[in-house]
Amino acid sequence: MRNMNLEEAKNICSTYQHLLRSSSFIQDRIEVVEAILPAPYNQRDQWTFYNLYNTTKSLEAATDPYKNDPFDIIVLIKVCYADGLIDYGYMTLENFLAHRRSLLPDPVNNQ
């Protein structure tokens, strides 16, 4: 996605709230959408934001250090493996949507 200000990012996040708790079944795991959040556009800052959000569970606290910076949107994902292991991660909304599209069967090639 293009970089945007915090308010623009929050508006786009609200558009995608229907994805919350949706899941994908992939071989040995289930991926569940936990949150859709505005995050700093810079990838290094996204990691810091992600950790701060997970610690505070406060969007305001996590975005405050970046409020004048460009923003993107990230999707927080809980991954549940068949062996019982649970992991957490995130990806940009753009990458998440491409990932979800890649999981759909191809009706032309019957896959």
Protein backbone atom coordinates (compact mmCIF):
# COMPACT_ATOMS: atom_id res chain seq x y z
CA MET A 1 0.00 0.00 0.00
CA ARG A 2 1.04 3.59 -0.32
CA ASN A 3 2.18 5.42 2.75
CA MET A 4 -0.52 7.56 4.41
CA ASN A 5 -1.13 9.55 7.55
CA LEU A 6 -2.48 7.95 10.71
CA GLU A 7 -6.10 9.03 10.16
CA GLU A 8 -6.14 7.67 6.60
CA ALA A 9 -4.70 4.39 7.84
CA LYS A 10 -7.31 4.14 10.61
CA ASN A 11 -10.09 4.67 8.05
CA ILE A 12 -8.76 1.90 5.83
CA CYS A 13 -8.40 -0.40 8.85
CA SER A 14 -12.09 0.09 9.64
CA THR A 15 -12.93 -1.03 6.10
CA TYR A 16 -11.21 -4.37 6.70
CA GLN A 17 -12.55 -5.19 10.17
CA HIS A 18 -14.74 -7.90 8.63
CA LEU A 19 -11.56 -9.99 8.35
CA LEU A 20 -11.15 -10.23 12.13
CA ARG A 21 -11.21 -13.84 13.36
CA SER A 22 -11.22 -15.14 9.79
CA SER A 23 -8.96 -18.10 9.29
CA SER A 24 -7.03 -19.97 6.62
CA PHE A 25 -6.19 -23.65 6.72
CA ILE A 26 -2.73 -24.32 5.30
CA GLN A 27 -1.24 -27.84 5.40
CA ASP A 28 -0.24 -28.22 9.06
CA ARG A 29 -1.53 -24.94 10.47
CA ILE A 30 -4.43 -22.53 10.86
CA GLU A 31 -3.85 -18.79 10.52
CA VAL A 32 -6.34 -16.54 12.36
CA VAL A 33 -6.57 -12.76 11.93
CA GLU A 34 -6.23 -11.18 15.38
CA ALA A 35 -6.13 -7.47 14.47
CA ILE A 36 -5.86 -5.02 11.59
CA LEU A 37 -3.89 -1.95 12.64
CA PRO A 38 -2.23 1.18 11.33
CA ALA A 39 1.53 0.83 11.73
CA PRO A 40 4.58 2.83 10.68
CA TYR A 41 5.41 2.53 6.99
CA ASN A 42 9.08 1.79 7.68
CA GLN A 43 9.60 -1.98 8.10
CA ARG A 44 12.03 -1.65 11.01
CA ASP A 45 9.55 0.63 12.80
CA GLN A 46 6.77 -1.90 12.11
CA TRP A 47 8.65 -4.50 14.17
CA THR A 48 9.08 -2.03 17.04
CA PHE A 49 5.42 -1.01 16.78
CA TYR A 50 4.33 -4.68 16.78
CA ASN A 51 6.26 -5.40 19.97
CA LEU A 52 5.03 -2.22 21.66
CA TYR A 53 1.42 -3.01 20.72
CA ASN A 54 1.74 -6.57 22.03
CA THR A 55 3.16 -5.27 25.30
CA THR A 56 0.64 -2.46 25.88
CA LYS A 57 -2.40 -3.64 23.86
CA SER A 58 -2.89 0.10 23.24
CA LEU A 59 -3.02 1.43 19.69
CA GLU A 60 -2.50 4.97 20.96
CA ALA A 61 0.62 4.04 22.94
CA ALA A 62 2.04 2.06 20.02
CA THR A 63 1.39 4.74 17.38
CA ASP A 64 2.34 7.77 19.50
CA PRO A 65 6.10 7.63 18.72
CA TYR A 66 5.25 7.63 14.99
CA LYS A 67 2.24 9.97 14.83
CA ASN A 68 3.95 12.35 12.37
CA ASP A 69 5.44 9.57 10.23
CA PRO A 70 3.91 7.85 7.20
CA PHE A 71 1.75 4.81 7.97
CA ASP A 72 0.83 1.49 6.39
CA ILE A 73 -1.54 -1.21 7.65
CA ILE A 74 -0.52 -4.50 9.21
CA VAL A 75 -2.49 -7.65 9.95
CA LEU A 76 -1.68 -9.46 13.20
CA ILE A 77 -1.95 -13.22 12.79
CA LYS A 78 -2.11 -16.08 15.27
CA VAL A 79 -0.73 -19.32 13.81
CA CYS A 80 -1.89 -22.60 15.35
CA TYR A 81 0.12 -25.66 14.27
CA ALA A 82 -1.16 -29.24 14.24
CA ASP A 83 1.37 -30.20 16.91
CA GLY A 84 -0.14 -27.65 19.33
CA LEU A 85 2.50 -24.95 18.90
CA ILE A 86 1.09 -21.41 18.70
CA ASP A 87 2.98 -18.53 17.12
CA TYR A 88 2.18 -14.90 16.36
CA GLY A 89 3.27 -12.63 13.55
CA TYR A 90 2.22 -9.87 11.23
CA MET A 91 2.33 -8.84 7.59
CA THR A 92 1.25 -5.77 5.69
CA LEU A 93 -2.36 -5.72 4.54
CA GLU A 94 -1.19 -5.76 0.93
CA ASN A 95 0.87 -8.91 1.50
CA PHE A 96 -1.92 -10.49 3.53
CA LEU A 97 -4.47 -9.98 0.74
CA ALA A 98 -2.06 -11.41 -1.84
CA HIS A 99 -1.40 -14.37 0.47
CA ARG A 100 -5.13 -15.04 0.86
CA ARG A 101 -5.66 -14.83 -2.91
CA SER A 102 -2.88 -17.37 -3.42
CA LEU A 103 -4.77 -19.87 -1.26
CA LEU A 104 -7.86 -19.80 -3.44
CA PRO A 105 -8.29 -22.60 -5.96
CA ASP A 106 -7.71 -21.71 -9.59
CA PRO A 107 -10.97 -22.54 -11.39
CA VAL A 108 -9.30 -22.40 -14.80
CA ASN A 109 -6.64 -24.98 -13.97
CA ASN A 110 -8.80 -26.89 -11.44
CA GLN A 111 -6.34 -26.35 -8.61
